[in-house]
Amino acid sequence: MDKISRRSFFKAAGAALAATAAEAHALKTGAAQAQATRPPPYIFFKPDEANFIETAVERLIPADENGPGALAAGVPNYIDKQLGGAWGAGERLYRNGPWREGEVTQGYQLPFTPAELFRNALRGIRTDLGKRGVPALARLAAEEQDAYLKSLQTGTLDLNGVPSRVFFESLLALTVEGFFSDPVYGGNKDMAAWKMIGFPGAYASYYELVDQHGIAFTRAPMSMGQDNRGVIHMHRSMPPAQKPGAPKGGK
């Protein structure tokens, strides 16, 4: 066996370690990318409940040529976080009664917290679909899904004490909130809804723009999670001579 010089040995060992490190980095990067694209686990919804919500919100805001639908935008995750948190527990909700059937103009009149309302209603929907011989909303054709949601919106079906109309209104409101809210709350993934409507997002200050008129705001939207601690930004749409700090005569 030929002798291996000390220099050759360390050179070969270094190359092997570099290759191992590169492979480990690639595996770590791939795992991180997979984790980033994978929806976070639900904290409130049970599997059958999540299946209904995912199907329903995608019919309320379907994907089209303008952008992604509610499902791709992460709306179910937003609703799940709301119901699984303080709002869902009715932390700031008056719950001492009396409980009477009020008028529509009087607003919410039920004894349930938002979490209880959804849990009871989803259980009632599962029972109702079962009576119709339908295992899940997702098993119906798109037109049939729309018809069932319409029946919840306009009907008087009792979903374990929750009027179907009240549940539908709550679901629709949360769907719209999740689609257009700041991504830090779990929905509006990649700020897709903001990009679609041209909403700038959570820029902390427009100080340098107060005397500028008729300029196009072309910057990408910003989430609260991206805000640079309220630092005033420079706007790339502004002509260089109009940017703050440009000389205006005198010294």
C-alpha atoms as a PDB file:
ATOM      1  CA  MET A   1       0.000   0.000   0.000  1.00  0.00           C
ATOM      2  CA  ASP A   2       1.421   3.379  -0.979  1.00  0.00           C
ATOM      3  CA  LYS A   3       2.135   5.803   1.800  1.00  0.00           C
ATOM      4  CA  ILE A   4      -0.202   8.807   1.991  1.00  0.00           C
ATOM      5  CA  SER A   5       1.405  12.107   2.848  1.00  0.00           C
ATOM      6  CA  ARG A   6       0.071  14.113   5.771  1.00  0.00           C
ATOM      7  CA  ARG A   7      -0.889  16.949   3.380  1.00  0.00           C
ATOM      8  CA  SER A   8      -2.792  14.592   1.060  1.00  0.00           C
ATOM      9  CA  PHE A   9      -4.618  13.013   3.982  1.00  0.00           C
ATOM     10  CA  PHE A  10      -5.882  16.324   5.370  1.00  0.00           C
ATOM     11  CA  LYS A  11      -6.754  17.528   1.883  1.00  0.00           C
ATOM     12  CA  ALA A  12      -8.884  14.434   1.241  1.00  0.00           C
ATOM     13  CA  ALA A  13     -10.457  14.617   4.695  1.00  0.00           C
ATOM     14  CA  GLY A  14     -11.291  18.280   4.198  1.00  0.00           C
ATOM     15  CA  ALA A  15     -12.932  17.561   0.865  1.00  0.00           C
ATOM     16  CA  ALA A  16     -15.002  14.784   2.425  1.00  0.00           C
ATOM     17  CA  LEU A  17     -16.111  17.028   5.286  1.00  0.00           C
ATOM     18  CA  ALA A  18     -17.008  19.805   2.849  1.00  0.00           C
ATOM     19  CA  ALA A  19     -19.088  17.403   0.779  1.00  0.00           C
ATOM     20  CA  THR A  20     -20.844  16.124   3.905  1.00  0.00           C
ATOM     21  CA  ALA A  21     -21.547  19.675   5.082  1.00  0.00           C
ATOM     22  CA  ALA A  22     -22.888  20.652   1.659  1.00  0.00           C
ATOM     23  CA  GLU A  23     -25.151  17.613   1.613  1.00  0.00           C
ATOM     24  CA  ALA A  24     -26.388  18.353   5.132  1.00  0.00           C
ATOM     25  CA  HIS A  25     -27.052  21.982   4.163  1.00  0.00           C
ATOM     26  CA  ALA A  26     -28.992  20.858   1.093  1.00  0.00           C
ATOM     27  CA  LEU A  27     -31.083  18.482   3.190  1.00  0.00           C
ATOM     28  CA  LYS A  28     -31.696  21.183   5.799  1.00  0.00           C
ATOM     29  CA  THR A  29     -32.630  23.727   3.130  1.00  0.00           C
ATOM     30  CA  GLY A  30     -34.980  21.269   1.455  1.00  0.00           C
ATOM     31  CA  ALA A  31     -36.628  20.456   4.774  1.00  0.00           C
ATOM     32  CA  ALA A  32     -37.014  24.163   5.565  1.00  0.00           C
ATOM     33  CA  GLN A  33     -38.596  24.821   2.168  1.00  0.00           C
ATOM     34  CA  ALA A  34     -40.979  21.901   2.620  1.00  0.00           C
ATOM     35  CA  GLN A  35     -41.881  23.201   6.082  1.00  0.00           C
ATOM     36  CA  ALA A  36     -42.514  26.677   4.682  1.00  0.00           C
ATOM     37  CA  THR A  37     -44.947  25.390   2.054  1.00  0.00           C
ATOM     38  CA  ARG A  38     -46.724  22.994   4.413  1.00  0.00           C
ATOM     39  CA  PRO A  39     -49.786  24.519   6.157  1.00  0.00           C
ATOM     40  CA  PRO A  40     -49.386  24.796   9.936  1.00  0.00           C
ATOM     41  CA  PRO A  41     -51.280  22.223  12.009  1.00  0.00           C
ATOM     42  CA  TYR A  42     -54.739  23.155  13.215  1.00  0.00           C
ATOM     43  CA  ILE A  43     -55.117  24.007  16.888  1.00  0.00           C
ATOM     44  CA  PHE A  44     -58.928  24.095  17.028  1.00  0.00           C
ATOM     45  CA  PHE A  45     -60.470  22.251  14.097  1.00  0.00           C
ATOM     46  CA  LYS A  46     -60.877  18.499  14.132  1.00  0.00           C
ATOM     47  CA  PRO A  47     -60.100  16.757  10.810  1.00  0.00           C
ATOM     48  CA  ASP A  48     -63.729  16.567   9.645  1.00  0.00           C
ATOM     49  CA  GLU A  49     -64.341  20.182  10.691  1.00  0.00           C
ATOM     50  CA  ALA A  50     -61.228  21.351   8.849  1.00  0.00           C
ATOM     51  CA  ASN A  51     -62.381  19.471   5.753  1.00  0.00           C
ATOM     52  CA  PHE A  52     -65.698  21.347   5.739  1.00  0.00           C
ATOM     53  CA  ILE A  53     -64.087  24.737   6.389  1.00  0.00           C
ATOM     54  CA  GLU A  54     -61.474  24.254   3.662  1.00  0.00           C
ATOM     55  CA  THR A  55     -64.152  23.285   1.157  1.00  0.00           C
ATOM     56  CA  ALA A  56     -66.565  26.048   2.159  1.00  0.00           C
ATOM     57  CA  VAL A  57     -64.117  28.965   2.131  1.00  0.00           C
ATOM     58  CA  GLU A  58     -62.835  27.961  -1.297  1.00  0.00           C
ATOM     59  CA  ARG A  59     -66.392  28.250  -2.615  1.00  0.00           C
ATOM     60  CA  LEU A  60     -66.868  31.629  -0.905  1.00  0.00           C
ATOM     61  CA  ILE A  61     -63.640  33.039  -2.394  1.00  0.00           C
ATOM     62  CA  PRO A  62     -62.583  30.740  -5.250  1.00  0.00           C
ATOM     63  CA  ALA A  63     -59.345  31.075  -7.165  1.00  0.00           C
ATOM     64  CA  ASP A  64     -59.617  32.852 -10.520  1.00  0.00           C
ATOM     65  CA  GLU A  65     -57.531  34.829 -12.994  1.00  0.00           C
ATOM     66  CA  ASN A  66     -57.133  37.630 -10.441  1.00  0.00           C
ATOM     67  CA  GLY A  67     -55.423  35.557  -7.790  1.00  0.00           C
ATOM     68  CA  PRO A  68     -55.581  32.597  -5.404  1.00  0.00           C
ATOM     69  CA  GLY A  69     -58.672  31.523  -3.536  1.00  0.00           C
ATOM     70  CA  ALA A  70     -59.275  31.478   0.197  1.00  0.00           C
ATOM     71  CA  LEU A  71     -57.724  28.044   0.668  1.00  0.00           C
ATOM     72  CA  ALA A  72     -54.386  28.911  -0.946  1.00  0.00           C
ATOM     73  CA  ALA A  73     -54.388  32.227   0.933  1.00  0.00           C
ATOM     74  CA  GLY A  74     -54.458  30.372   4.258  1.00  0.00           C
ATOM     75  CA  VAL A  75     -57.923  31.487   5.355  1.00  0.00           C
ATOM     76  CA  PRO A  76     -58.691  28.212   7.210  1.00  0.00           C
ATOM     77  CA  ASN A  77     -55.541  28.760   9.273  1.00  0.00           C
ATOM     78  CA  TYR A  78     -56.689  32.286  10.140  1.00  0.00           C
ATOM     79  CA  ILE A  79     -60.122  31.056  11.251  1.00  0.00           C
ATOM     80  CA  ASP A  80     -58.550  28.221  13.242  1.00  0.00           C
ATOM     81  CA  LYS A  81     -56.273  30.622  15.121  1.00  0.00           C
ATOM     82  CA  GLN A  82     -59.142  32.968  15.893  1.00  0.00           C
ATOM     83  CA  LEU A  83     -61.357  30.197  17.245  1.00  0.00           C
ATOM     84  CA  GLY A  84     -58.493  28.605  19.171  1.00  0.00           C
ATOM     85  CA  GLY A  85     -57.507  31.857  20.866  1.00  0.00           C
ATOM     86  CA  ALA A  86     -58.945  34.442  23.236  1.00  0.00           C
ATOM     87  CA  TRP A  87     -61.498  35.686  20.708  1.00  0.00           C
ATOM     88  CA  GLY A  88     -62.850  32.191  20.173  1.00  0.00           C
ATOM     89  CA  ALA A  89     -63.158  31.718  23.933  1.00  0.00           C
ATOM     90  CA  GLY A  90     -65.298  34.846  24.158  1.00  0.00           C
ATOM     91  CA  GLU A  91     -62.797  36.564  26.430  1.00  0.00           C
ATOM     92  CA  ARG A  92     -64.361  39.988  25.840  1.00  0.00           C
ATOM     93  CA  LEU A  93     -67.904  38.793  25.135  1.00  0.00           C
ATOM     94  CA  TYR A  94     -70.769  39.615  27.493  1.00  0.00           C
ATOM     95  CA  ARG A  95     -72.286  36.269  28.509  1.00  0.00           C
ATOM     96  CA  ASN A  96     -74.609  36.875  31.452  1.00  0.00           C
ATOM     97  CA  GLY A  97     -77.880  36.895  29.520  1.00  0.00           C
ATOM     98  CA  PRO A  98     -80.802  37.141  29.367  1.00  0.00           C
ATOM     99  CA  TRP A  99     -80.921  35.028  26.231  1.00  0.00           C
ATOM    100  CA  ARG A 100     -83.903  35.850  24.072  1.00  0.00           C
ATOM    101  CA  GLU A 101     -84.481  35.641  20.348  1.00  0.00           C
ATOM    102  CA  GLY A 102     -83.737  39.189  19.288  1.00  0.00           C
ATOM    103  CA  GLU A 103     -84.201  41.120  16.095  1.00  0.00           C
ATOM    104  CA  VAL A 104     -81.610  40.989  13.332  1.00  0.00           C
ATOM    105  CA  THR A 105     -80.856  44.657  13.961  1.00  0.00           C
ATOM    106  CA  GLN A 106     -79.870  43.836  17.556  1.00  0.00           C
ATOM    107  CA  GLY A 107     -76.840  41.839  16.501  1.00  0.00           C
ATOM    108  CA  TYR A 108     -75.558  38.639  18.077  1.00  0.00           C
ATOM    109  CA  GLN A 109     -77.958  37.308  20.734  1.00  0.00           C
ATOM    110  CA  LEU A 110     -76.774  33.734  21.358  1.00  0.00           C
ATOM    111  CA  PRO A 111     -75.142  32.337  24.528  1.00  0.00           C
ATOM    112  CA  PHE A 112     -72.299  30.664  22.622  1.00  0.00           C
ATOM    113  CA  THR A 113     -68.723  31.817  22.387  1.00  0.00           C
ATOM    114  CA  PRO A 114     -67.433  31.903  18.783  1.00  0.00           C
ATOM    115  CA  ALA A 115     -65.657  28.591  19.380  1.00  0.00           C
ATOM    116  CA  GLU A 116     -68.825  26.998  20.769  1.00  0.00           C
ATOM    117  CA  LEU A 117     -70.881  28.395  17.901  1.00  0.00           C
ATOM    118  CA  PHE A 118     -68.609  26.832  15.285  1.00  0.00           C
ATOM    119  CA  ARG A 119     -68.254  23.516  17.119  1.00  0.00           C
ATOM    120  CA  ASN A 120     -72.001  23.116  17.561  1.00  0.00           C
ATOM    121  CA  ALA A 121     -72.798  24.263  14.029  1.00  0.00           C
ATOM    122  CA  LEU A 122     -70.208  22.017  12.396  1.00  0.00           C
ATOM    123  CA  ARG A 123     -71.516  19.056  14.378  1.00  0.00           C
ATOM    124  CA  GLY A 124     -75.023  19.906  13.195  1.00  0.00           C
ATOM    125  CA  ILE A 125     -73.860  20.189   9.591  1.00  0.00           C
ATOM    126  CA  ARG A 126     -72.186  16.801   9.788  1.00  0.00           C
ATOM    127  CA  THR A 127     -75.466  15.316  11.047  1.00  0.00           C
ATOM    128  CA  ASP A 128     -77.501  17.104   8.369  1.00  0.00           C
ATOM    129  CA  LEU A 129     -75.216  15.975   5.551  1.00  0.00           C
ATOM    130  CA  GLY A 130     -75.339  12.435   6.906  1.00  0.00           C
ATOM    131  CA  LYS A 131     -79.143  12.457   6.727  1.00  0.00           C
ATOM    132  CA  ARG A 132     -78.817  13.453   3.068  1.00  0.00           C
ATOM    133  CA  GLY A 133     -76.456  10.555   2.436  1.00  0.00           C
ATOM    134  CA  VAL A 134     -73.485  12.870   1.940  1.00  0.00           C
ATOM    135  CA  PRO A 135     -70.330  11.978   3.919  1.00  0.00           C
ATOM    136  CA  ALA A 136     -68.749  15.422   3.486  1.00  0.00           C
ATOM    137  CA  LEU A 137     -69.289  18.692   1.636  1.00  0.00           C
ATOM    138  CA  ALA A 138     -66.127  18.037  -0.361  1.00  0.00           C
ATOM    139  CA  ARG A 139     -67.754  14.954  -1.913  1.00  0.00           C
ATOM    140  CA  LEU A 140     -70.339  17.108  -3.698  1.00  0.00           C
ATOM    141  CA  ALA A 141     -69.869  18.804  -7.060  1.00  0.00           C
ATOM    142  CA  ALA A 142     -69.043  22.516  -6.962  1.00  0.00           C
ATOM    143  CA  GLU A 143     -72.584  23.525  -7.917  1.00  0.00           C
ATOM    144  CA  GLU A 144     -74.023  21.300  -5.188  1.00  0.00           C
ATOM    145  CA  GLN A 145     -71.595  22.762  -2.651  1.00  0.00           C
ATOM    146  CA  ASP A 146     -72.789  26.247  -3.566  1.00  0.00           C
ATOM    147  CA  ALA A 147     -76.411  25.169  -3.238  1.00  0.00           C
ATOM    148  CA  TYR A 148     -75.800  23.728   0.235  1.00  0.00           C
ATOM    149  CA  LEU A 149     -74.002  26.854   1.422  1.00  0.00           C
ATOM    150  CA  LYS A 150     -76.864  28.913   0.010  1.00  0.00           C
ATOM    151  CA  SER A 151     -79.300  26.819   2.034  1.00  0.00           C
ATOM    152  CA  LEU A 152     -77.301  27.613   5.175  1.00  0.00           C
ATOM    153  CA  GLN A 153     -77.353  31.313   4.318  1.00  0.00           C
ATOM    154  CA  THR A 154     -81.070  31.587   3.637  1.00  0.00           C
ATOM    155  CA  GLY A 155     -82.484  28.659   5.587  1.00  0.00           C
ATOM    156  CA  THR A 156     -83.681  28.163   9.139  1.00  0.00           C
ATOM    157  CA  LEU A 157     -81.874  24.898   9.846  1.00  0.00           C
ATOM    158  CA  ASP A 158     -81.092  24.445  13.551  1.00  0.00           C
ATOM    159  CA  LEU A 159     -77.471  23.381  13.967  1.00  0.00           C
ATOM    160  CA  ASN A 160     -77.410  22.240  17.602  1.00  0.00           C
ATOM    161  CA  GLY A 161     -78.926  25.494  18.769  1.00  0.00           C
ATOM    162  CA  VAL A 162     -77.161  27.647  16.177  1.00  0.00           C
ATOM    163  CA  PRO A 163     -79.355  29.062  13.385  1.00  0.00           C
ATOM    164  CA  SER A 164     -77.752  28.195  10.065  1.00  0.00           C
ATOM    165  CA  ARG A 165     -78.009  31.827   8.967  1.00  0.00           C
ATOM    166  CA  VAL A 166     -75.955  32.991  11.963  1.00  0.00           C
ATOM    167  CA  PHE A 167     -73.297  30.368  11.301  1.00  0.00           C
ATOM    168  CA  PHE A 168     -73.052  31.280   7.628  1.00  0.00           C
ATOM    169  CA  GLU A 169     -72.728  34.990   8.407  1.00  0.00           C
ATOM    170  CA  SER A 170     -69.968  34.220  10.911  1.00  0.00           C
ATOM    171  CA  LEU A 171     -68.147  31.966   8.453  1.00  0.00           C
ATOM    172  CA  LEU A 172     -68.381  34.535   5.658  1.00  0.00           C
ATOM    173  CA  ALA A 173     -67.137  37.358   7.898  1.00  0.00           C
ATOM    174  CA  LEU A 174     -64.138  35.331   9.083  1.00  0.00           C
ATOM    175  CA  THR A 175     -63.375  34.254   5.520  1.00  0.00           C
ATOM    176  CA  VAL A 176     -63.221  37.851   4.313  1.00  0.00           C
ATOM    177  CA  GLU A 177     -61.173  38.856   7.365  1.00  0.00           C
ATOM    178  CA  GLY A 178     -58.695  36.041   6.816  1.00  0.00           C
ATOM    179  CA  PHE A 179     -58.341  36.800   3.123  1.00  0.00           C
ATOM    180  CA  PHE A 180     -57.554  40.505   3.594  1.00  0.00           C
ATOM    181  CA  SER A 181     -55.957  40.599   7.062  1.00  0.00           C
ATOM    182  CA  ASP A 182     -52.280  41.067   7.788  1.00  0.00           C
ATOM    183  CA  PRO A 183     -50.411  37.771   7.237  1.00  0.00           C
ATOM    184  CA  VAL A 184     -49.187  37.788  10.852  1.00  0.00           C
ATOM    185  CA  TYR A 185     -52.668  36.554  11.791  1.00  0.00           C
ATOM    186  CA  GLY A 186     -52.379  33.451   9.637  1.00  0.00           C
ATOM    187  CA  GLY A 187     -54.230  34.337   6.429  1.00  0.00           C
ATOM    188  CA  ASN A 188     -53.480  36.373   3.296  1.00  0.00           C
ATOM    189  CA  LYS A 189     -50.472  34.184   2.524  1.00  0.00           C
ATOM    190  CA  ASP A 190     -47.736  36.039   0.615  1.00  0.00           C
ATOM    191  CA  MET A 191     -50.006  39.119   0.851  1.00  0.00           C
ATOM    192  CA  ALA A 192     -51.765  37.838  -2.271  1.00  0.00           C
ATOM    193  CA  ALA A 193     -55.008  39.698  -1.509  1.00  0.00           C
ATOM    194  CA  TRP A 194     -53.169  42.981  -0.946  1.00  0.00           C
ATOM    195  CA  LYS A 195     -51.263  42.577  -4.200  1.00  0.00           C
ATOM    196  CA  MET A 196     -54.523  41.896  -6.008  1.00  0.00           C
ATOM    197  CA  ILE A 197     -56.195  45.132  -4.847  1.00  0.00           C
ATOM    198  CA  GLY A 198     -53.057  47.282  -4.693  1.00  0.00           C
ATOM    199  CA  PHE A 199     -53.113  47.781  -0.912  1.00  0.00           C
ATOM    200  CA  PRO A 200     -49.692  48.893   0.413  1.00  0.00           C
ATOM    201  CA  GLY A 201     -49.986  47.192   3.775  1.00  0.00           C
ATOM    202  CA  ALA A 202     -48.448  48.280   7.052  1.00  0.00           C
ATOM    203  CA  TYR A 203     -45.932  50.949   6.113  1.00  0.00           C
ATOM    204  CA  ALA A 204     -45.297  52.848   9.336  1.00  0.00           C
ATOM    205  CA  SER A 205     -44.877  56.310   7.866  1.00  0.00           C
ATOM    206  CA  TYR A 206     -45.531  58.292   4.715  1.00  0.00           C
ATOM    207  CA  TYR A 207     -43.776  61.394   6.041  1.00  0.00           C
ATOM    208  CA  GLU A 208     -41.823  62.010   2.850  1.00  0.00           C
ATOM    209  CA  LEU A 209     -44.950  61.721   0.694  1.00  0.00           C
ATOM    210  CA  VAL A 210     -47.280  64.241   2.358  1.00  0.00           C
ATOM    211  CA  ASP A 211     -46.533  66.940  -0.237  1.00  0.00           C
ATOM    212  CA  GLN A 212     -46.394  64.585  -3.216  1.00  0.00           C
ATOM    213  CA  HIS A 213     -49.457  64.126  -5.423  1.00  0.00           C
ATOM    214  CA  GLY A 214     -50.293  61.964  -8.404  1.00  0.00           C
ATOM    215  CA  ILE A 215     -47.406  59.517  -8.043  1.00  0.00           C
ATOM    216  CA  ALA A 216     -47.918  55.794  -8.471  1.00  0.00           C
ATOM    217  CA  PHE A 217     -47.277  53.678  -5.386  1.00  0.00           C
ATOM    218  CA  THR A 218     -45.496  50.726  -6.931  1.00  0.00           C
ATOM    219  CA  ARG A 219     -43.773  49.182  -3.938  1.00  0.00           C
ATOM    220  CA  ALA A 220     -44.673  45.680  -2.837  1.00  0.00           C
ATOM    221  CA  PRO A 221     -47.017  45.530   0.173  1.00  0.00           C
ATOM    222  CA  MET A 222     -45.526  45.189   3.642  1.00  0.00           C
ATOM    223  CA  SER A 223     -46.789  43.054   6.517  1.00  0.00           C
ATOM    224  CA  MET A 224     -46.571  44.123  10.147  1.00  0.00           C
ATOM    225  CA  GLY A 225     -44.078  41.306  10.534  1.00  0.00           C
ATOM    226  CA  GLN A 226     -41.813  43.050   8.015  1.00  0.00           C
ATOM    227  CA  ASP A 227     -42.089  46.602   9.357  1.00  0.00           C
ATOM    228  CA  ASN A 228     -38.643  48.042  10.007  1.00  0.00           C
ATOM    229  CA  ARG A 229     -39.568  49.398  13.456  1.00  0.00           C
ATOM    230  CA  GLY A 230     -41.349  52.350  11.945  1.00  0.00           C
ATOM    231  CA  VAL A 231     -38.344  53.658  10.018  1.00  0.00           C
ATOM    232  CA  ILE A 232     -39.355  56.248   7.419  1.00  0.00           C
ATOM    233  CA  HIS A 233     -38.863  54.816   3.949  1.00  0.00           C
ATOM    234  CA  MET A 234     -37.782  56.349   0.674  1.00  0.00           C
ATOM    235  CA  HIS A 235     -40.219  55.867  -2.180  1.00  0.00           C
ATOM    236  CA  ARG A 236     -38.701  54.657  -5.419  1.00  0.00           C
ATOM    237  CA  SER A 237     -41.558  56.163  -7.481  1.00  0.00           C
ATOM    238  CA  MET A 238     -40.514  59.678  -6.511  1.00  0.00           C
ATOM    239  CA  PRO A 239     -38.263  61.528  -9.002  1.00  0.00           C
ATOM    240  CA  PRO A 240     -34.785  62.031  -7.475  1.00  0.00           C
ATOM    241  CA  ALA A 241     -35.187  65.827  -7.329  1.00  0.00           C
ATOM    242  CA  GLN A 242     -38.327  65.460  -5.202  1.00  0.00           C
ATOM    243  CA  LYS A 243     -36.890  63.131  -2.591  1.00  0.00           C
ATOM    244  CA  PRO A 244     -36.572  64.546   0.931  1.00  0.00           C
ATOM    245  CA  GLY A 245     -33.248  66.206   1.491  1.00  0.00           C
ATOM    246  CA  ALA A 246     -32.800  67.417  -2.091  1.00  0.00           C
ATOM    247  CA  PRO A 247     -31.626  71.051  -2.225  1.00  0.00           C
ATOM    248  CA  LYS A 248     -34.419  73.581  -2.784  1.00  0.00           C
ATOM    249  CA  GLY A 249     -32.246  76.695  -3.134  1.00  0.00           C
ATOM    250  CA  GLY A 250     -30.306  78.768  -0.610  1.00  0.00           C
ATOM    251  CA  LYS A 251     -27.527  77.158   1.373  1.00  0.00           C
END
